Protein backbone atom coordinates (compact mmCIF):
# COMPACT_ATOMS: atom_id res chain seq x y z
CA UNK A 1 80.13 50.91 45.99
CA UNK A 2 78.70 52.62 42.99
CA UNK A 3 75.24 54.25 43.24
CA UNK A 4 73.60 51.57 41.10
CA UNK A 5 74.81 48.81 43.23
CA UNK A 6 73.83 50.57 46.48
CA UNK A 7 70.39 51.50 45.20
CA UNK A 8 70.06 47.73 44.32
CA UNK A 9 71.38 46.49 47.59
CA UNK A 10 69.16 48.64 49.49
CA UNK A 11 66.18 47.45 47.56
CA UNK A 12 66.90 43.87 48.19
CA UNK A 13 67.40 44.37 51.94
CA UNK A 14 64.12 46.07 52.31
CA UNK A 15 62.23 43.58 50.21
CA UNK A 16 63.93 40.65 52.18
CA UNK A 17 62.50 42.33 55.41
CA UNK A 18 59.02 42.20 54.33
CA UNK A 19 58.89 39.12 52.37
CA UNK A 20 58.46 41.18 49.20
CA UNK A 21 59.66 40.01 45.83
CA UNK A 22 62.01 42.33 44.09
CA UNK A 23 61.68 42.17 40.19
CA UNK A 24 64.27 44.30 37.91
CA UNK A 25 63.85 44.83 34.37
CA UNK A 26 66.80 43.82 32.07
CA UNK A 27 68.03 46.50 29.74
CA UNK A 28 68.91 47.88 27.36
CA UNK A 29 65.64 47.23 25.33
CA UNK A 30 63.63 49.06 22.50
CA UNK A 31 62.73 52.29 24.14
CA UNK A 32 66.20 52.71 25.78
CA UNK A 33 67.91 52.44 22.25
CA UNK A 34 68.52 54.74 19.38
CA UNK A 35 66.23 52.72 16.93
CA UNK A 36 63.16 54.61 16.04
CA UNK A 37 60.92 51.82 15.00
CA UNK A 38 59.55 51.44 18.60
CA UNK A 39 58.17 55.14 18.26
CA UNK A 40 56.31 54.46 15.17
CA UNK A 41 52.56 53.71 14.92
CA UNK A 42 53.14 50.22 14.13
CA UNK A 43 55.65 49.65 17.34
CA UNK A 44 58.34 48.28 15.12
CA UNK A 45 60.21 45.42 16.95
CA UNK A 46 58.67 46.46 20.40
CA UNK A 47 61.08 46.17 23.21
CA UNK A 48 63.57 43.82 21.96
CA UNK A 49 67.28 44.11 22.47
CA UNK A 50 68.64 45.03 19.21
CA UNK A 51 71.71 43.45 18.03
CA UNK A 52 74.56 41.59 20.13
CA UNK A 53 75.53 44.48 22.17
CA UNK A 54 71.95 44.86 23.48
CA UNK A 55 71.66 41.13 24.27
CA UNK A 56 75.05 41.13 26.02
CA UNK A 57 73.70 44.39 27.99
CA UNK A 58 70.83 42.43 29.17
CA UNK A 59 72.85 39.51 30.46
CA UNK A 60 75.18 41.66 32.05
CA UNK A 61 72.29 43.28 33.94
CA UNK A 62 70.64 40.04 35.03
CA UNK A 63 74.15 38.74 36.24
CA UNK A 64 75.02 41.86 38.23
CA UNK A 65 71.50 42.02 39.61
CA UNK A 66 71.50 38.23 40.76
CA UNK A 67 75.16 38.92 42.27
CA UNK A 68 73.45 41.46 44.43
CA UNK A 69 70.62 39.20 45.62
CA UNK A 70 68.05 39.85 43.02
CA UNK A 71 65.98 36.60 42.37
CA UNK A 72 63.34 37.81 39.77
CA UNK A 73 64.02 39.41 36.47
CA UNK A 74 61.63 41.03 33.96
CA UNK A 75 62.27 40.33 30.35
CA UNK A 76 60.83 41.62 27.20
CA UNK A 77 62.92 39.51 24.42
CA UNK A 78 62.79 35.85 23.48
CA UNK A 79 66.54 35.56 22.82
CA UNK A 80 67.25 37.40 26.27
CA UNK A 81 64.94 34.93 27.97
CA UNK A 82 66.50 31.96 25.97
CA UNK A 83 70.16 33.09 27.05
CA UNK A 84 69.30 33.72 30.47
CA UNK A 85 67.56 30.30 30.97
CA UNK A 86 70.53 28.58 29.52
CA UNK A 87 72.90 30.48 31.80
CA UNK A 88 70.64 29.40 34.84
CA UNK A 89 70.73 25.79 33.71
CA UNK A 90 74.66 25.90 33.52
CA UNK A 91 74.91 27.62 36.89
CA UNK A 92 75.87 31.29 35.86
CA UNK A 93 72.63 32.68 37.09
CA UNK A 94 71.55 31.08 40.30
CA UNK A 95 68.99 28.24 39.92
CA UNK A 96 66.36 29.89 42.14
CA UNK A 97 66.29 32.83 39.83
CA UNK A 98 62.75 33.56 38.21
CA UNK A 99 62.05 35.02 34.82
CA UNK A 100 58.92 37.13 34.18
CA UNK A 101 57.87 38.00 30.80
CA UNK A 102 57.08 41.83 30.27
CA UNK A 103 53.21 42.74 29.72
CA UNK A 104 54.69 44.92 26.85
CA UNK A 105 55.46 41.62 24.86
CA UNK A 106 52.62 39.43 26.28
CA UNK A 107 51.32 36.60 24.28
CA UNK A 108 47.55 36.53 23.26
CA UNK A 109 47.09 32.86 22.30
CA UNK A 110 47.93 29.53 23.82
CA UNK A 111 50.76 28.46 21.57
CA UNK A 112 52.46 31.69 21.89
CA UNK A 113 52.24 31.45 25.69
CA UNK A 114 53.57 27.78 25.52
CA UNK A 115 56.65 28.98 23.77
CA UNK A 116 57.46 31.56 26.10
CA UNK A 117 57.27 28.81 28.99
CA UNK A 118 59.60 26.58 26.89
CA UNK A 119 61.97 29.27 26.52
CA UNK A 120 62.34 29.68 30.21
CA UNK A 121 59.64 31.92 31.49
CA UNK A 122 58.57 31.21 35.08
CA UNK A 123 55.54 33.55 34.81
CA UNK A 124 54.01 35.49 31.65
CA UNK A 125 52.17 38.64 31.65
CA UNK A 126 49.14 38.57 29.28
CA UNK A 127 47.28 41.64 27.99
CA UNK A 128 44.33 42.64 30.21
CA UNK A 129 41.92 42.93 27.17
CA UNK A 130 41.85 38.98 26.82
CA UNK A 131 38.40 37.55 27.03
CA UNK A 132 37.74 35.11 29.82
CA UNK A 133 37.49 32.12 27.34
CA UNK A 134 40.89 33.23 25.87
CA UNK A 135 42.41 33.27 29.21
CA UNK A 136 40.93 29.65 29.81
CA UNK A 137 42.53 28.45 26.53
CA UNK A 138 45.81 29.72 27.61
CA UNK A 139 45.63 27.94 31.01
CA UNK A 140 44.84 24.56 29.23
CA UNK A 141 48.00 25.07 27.19
CA UNK A 142 50.57 25.77 29.91
CA UNK A 143 51.15 25.57 33.51
CA UNK A 144 53.24 28.82 33.86
CA UNK A 145 51.83 31.41 36.19
CA UNK A 146 49.93 34.37 34.50
CA UNK A 147 50.43 38.08 35.44
CA UNK A 148 47.57 40.20 34.65
CA UNK A 149 46.84 43.66 35.18
CA UNK A 150 43.41 44.32 36.98
CA UNK A 151 43.84 47.93 36.13
CA UNK A 152 46.40 48.78 33.34
CA UNK A 153 48.32 51.75 32.92
CA UNK A 154 47.15 53.86 29.81
CA UNK A 155 49.96 52.91 27.69
CA UNK A 156 48.70 49.51 27.94
CA UNK A 157 45.15 50.37 27.19
CA UNK A 158 43.86 51.61 30.63
CA UNK A 159 41.68 48.55 30.97
CA UNK A 160 39.84 48.08 34.27
CA UNK A 161 38.81 44.44 35.01
CA UNK A 162 38.09 44.82 38.74
CA UNK A 163 34.98 42.94 38.60
CA UNK A 164 36.40 40.08 36.57
CA UNK A 165 39.01 39.43 39.32
CA UNK A 166 37.02 36.39 40.80
CA UNK A 167 36.48 34.82 37.31
CA UNK A 168 40.19 35.41 36.63
CA UNK A 169 41.19 33.37 39.47
CA UNK A 170 38.85 30.59 38.75
CA UNK A 171 40.05 30.22 35.10
CA UNK A 172 43.56 31.22 35.32
CA UNK A 173 45.34 30.38 38.70
CA UNK A 174 48.13 30.30 39.45
CA UNK A 175 48.32 33.98 38.60
CA UNK A 176 49.53 37.31 40.00
CA UNK A 177 46.89 40.04 40.04
CA UNK A 178 48.68 43.55 39.06
CA UNK A 179 47.76 47.16 39.59
CA UNK A 180 48.74 49.81 37.34
CA UNK A 181 46.72 53.07 37.21
CA UNK A 182 44.53 54.59 34.47
CA UNK A 183 44.45 58.27 34.00
CA UNK A 184 47.91 58.49 35.64
CA UNK A 185 51.05 60.00 34.18
CA UNK A 186 53.70 57.62 33.16
CA UNK A 187 56.88 57.73 35.56
CA UNK A 188 59.49 55.65 33.41
CA UNK A 189 62.45 56.15 33.38
CA UNK A 190 62.07 57.17 37.10
CA UNK A 191 64.07 59.83 38.58
CA UNK A 192 64.20 62.02 41.61
CA UNK A 193 62.21 64.72 39.91
CA UNK A 194 59.26 62.31 39.82
CA UNK A 195 59.27 61.24 43.42
CA UNK A 196 56.12 62.71 44.83
CA UNK A 197 54.19 61.27 41.66
CA UNK A 198 55.78 57.94 42.16
CA UNK A 199 54.86 57.77 46.02
CA UNK A 200 51.16 59.03 45.25
CA UNK A 201 50.59 56.56 42.34
CA UNK A 202 52.18 53.66 44.75
CA UNK A 203 49.89 54.42 47.51
CA UNK A 204 46.80 54.37 44.96
CA UNK A 205 47.86 51.02 43.82
CA UNK A 206 47.75 49.63 47.19
CA UNK A 207 44.40 51.15 47.81
CA UNK A 208 43.31 49.48 44.49
CA UNK A 209 44.92 46.16 45.80
CA UNK A 210 42.96 46.56 49.01
CA UNK A 211 39.68 47.05 47.07
CA UNK A 212 40.27 43.62 44.87
CA UNK A 213 41.02 41.86 48.01
CA UNK A 214 37.64 42.89 49.48
CA UNK A 215 35.90 42.19 46.03
CA UNK A 216 37.34 38.66 45.96
CA UNK A 217 36.28 38.07 49.57
CA UNK A 218 32.42 39.13 48.75
CA UNK A 219 32.47 36.71 45.76
CA UNK A 220 34.16 33.89 47.93
CA UNK A 221 37.07 33.70 45.80
CA UNK A 222 39.68 34.76 48.46
CA UNK A 223 40.98 31.48 49.50
CA UNK A 224 43.92 29.41 48.32
CA UNK A 225 46.22 32.43 48.06
CA UNK A 226 49.88 31.53 48.41
CA UNK A 227 51.65 32.74 51.52
CA UNK A 228 53.50 36.05 51.41
CA UNK A 229 56.90 35.44 49.73
CA UNK A 230 56.11 32.36 47.70
CA UNK A 231 58.17 32.22 44.39
CA UNK A 232 58.76 28.82 43.06
CA UNK A 233 56.42 28.16 40.02
CA UNK A 234 56.43 24.42 40.15
CA UNK A 235 57.54 22.16 37.44
CA UNK A 236 57.34 23.49 34.05
CA UNK A 237 57.88 22.50 30.50
CA UNK A 238 61.19 23.68 28.79
CA UNK A 239 62.78 23.29 25.42
CA UNK A 240 65.84 21.04 25.54
CA UNK A 241 69.00 23.16 26.31
CA UNK A 242 72.00 22.14 24.16
CA UNK A 243 74.90 20.66 25.92
CA UNK A 244 77.44 22.82 24.11
CA UNK A 245 76.67 26.35 22.62
C-alpha cells in the first residue's frame, strides 16, 4: 500500500472508532497550481480547478478517497461539485457520500447559496463576517446545513464571533460551528515539519469548542444538537441531472 493510501486508511479507522467524520479536500486547486492569479491582490479565479486536467484530478481524488472509506469531501469549485454529484447519482461515488463547500468560496447571498445546494452541496461554508440578518436570509432560501467559523483563521479574516453563537443557532440551524484560530500560523500544506504547531493549534481549537459549548449552555441554546456521528442532511433541492452526459 502506498503512503497516501496508508495514511488515509489510518485516518478513516481512527475517525470510525470515535464516531468522528473525516472530510478530505479534493485537489488540485488554485493554490496547488502554476497559475499566478490566486496570488494577486484580486485573488483571480480563487481555488477553482483550472482546466480539464485539474477537474479530472479532483474526481480521481474523490473516487480514491471514497474507495478507502472516506464519506465526506470538501470542494472549492462549482464544476467539481456538479461532476461529483452526477457521479454520486449514477453510483460511481457512494450514495452516502456528502459534499461540503469550502469556506474559501463561500456564498454571501441567498441566491448563490441555493445554487450551491442545487449543484449537489450537502453543507455550505459561509463567511464569518455575514450579519445575522444576512444569515437569516440565506436560511430562508435553502435547507442545506451551514458551516460557520466562530473563530476564523487570519487568512479568512480572523473574525471572532463567539458571543453570536446562540443567535447563529437560532437563525441558521442546521449548522456546523467551526473553530479556526486567529493569531496562529498557517499550517497548510501540512507536513511533518509542522507537527508540533499542528498539535498545539488542534488542542487550542478543542479548548475553544469547550468554551463555545459552555457559552451556549449559559444562553439556554445547547439543546437539539445532533447525536455524535450524525451525517445525513435530509432532503435537499437539486438541479435535474441529465440522463446522458
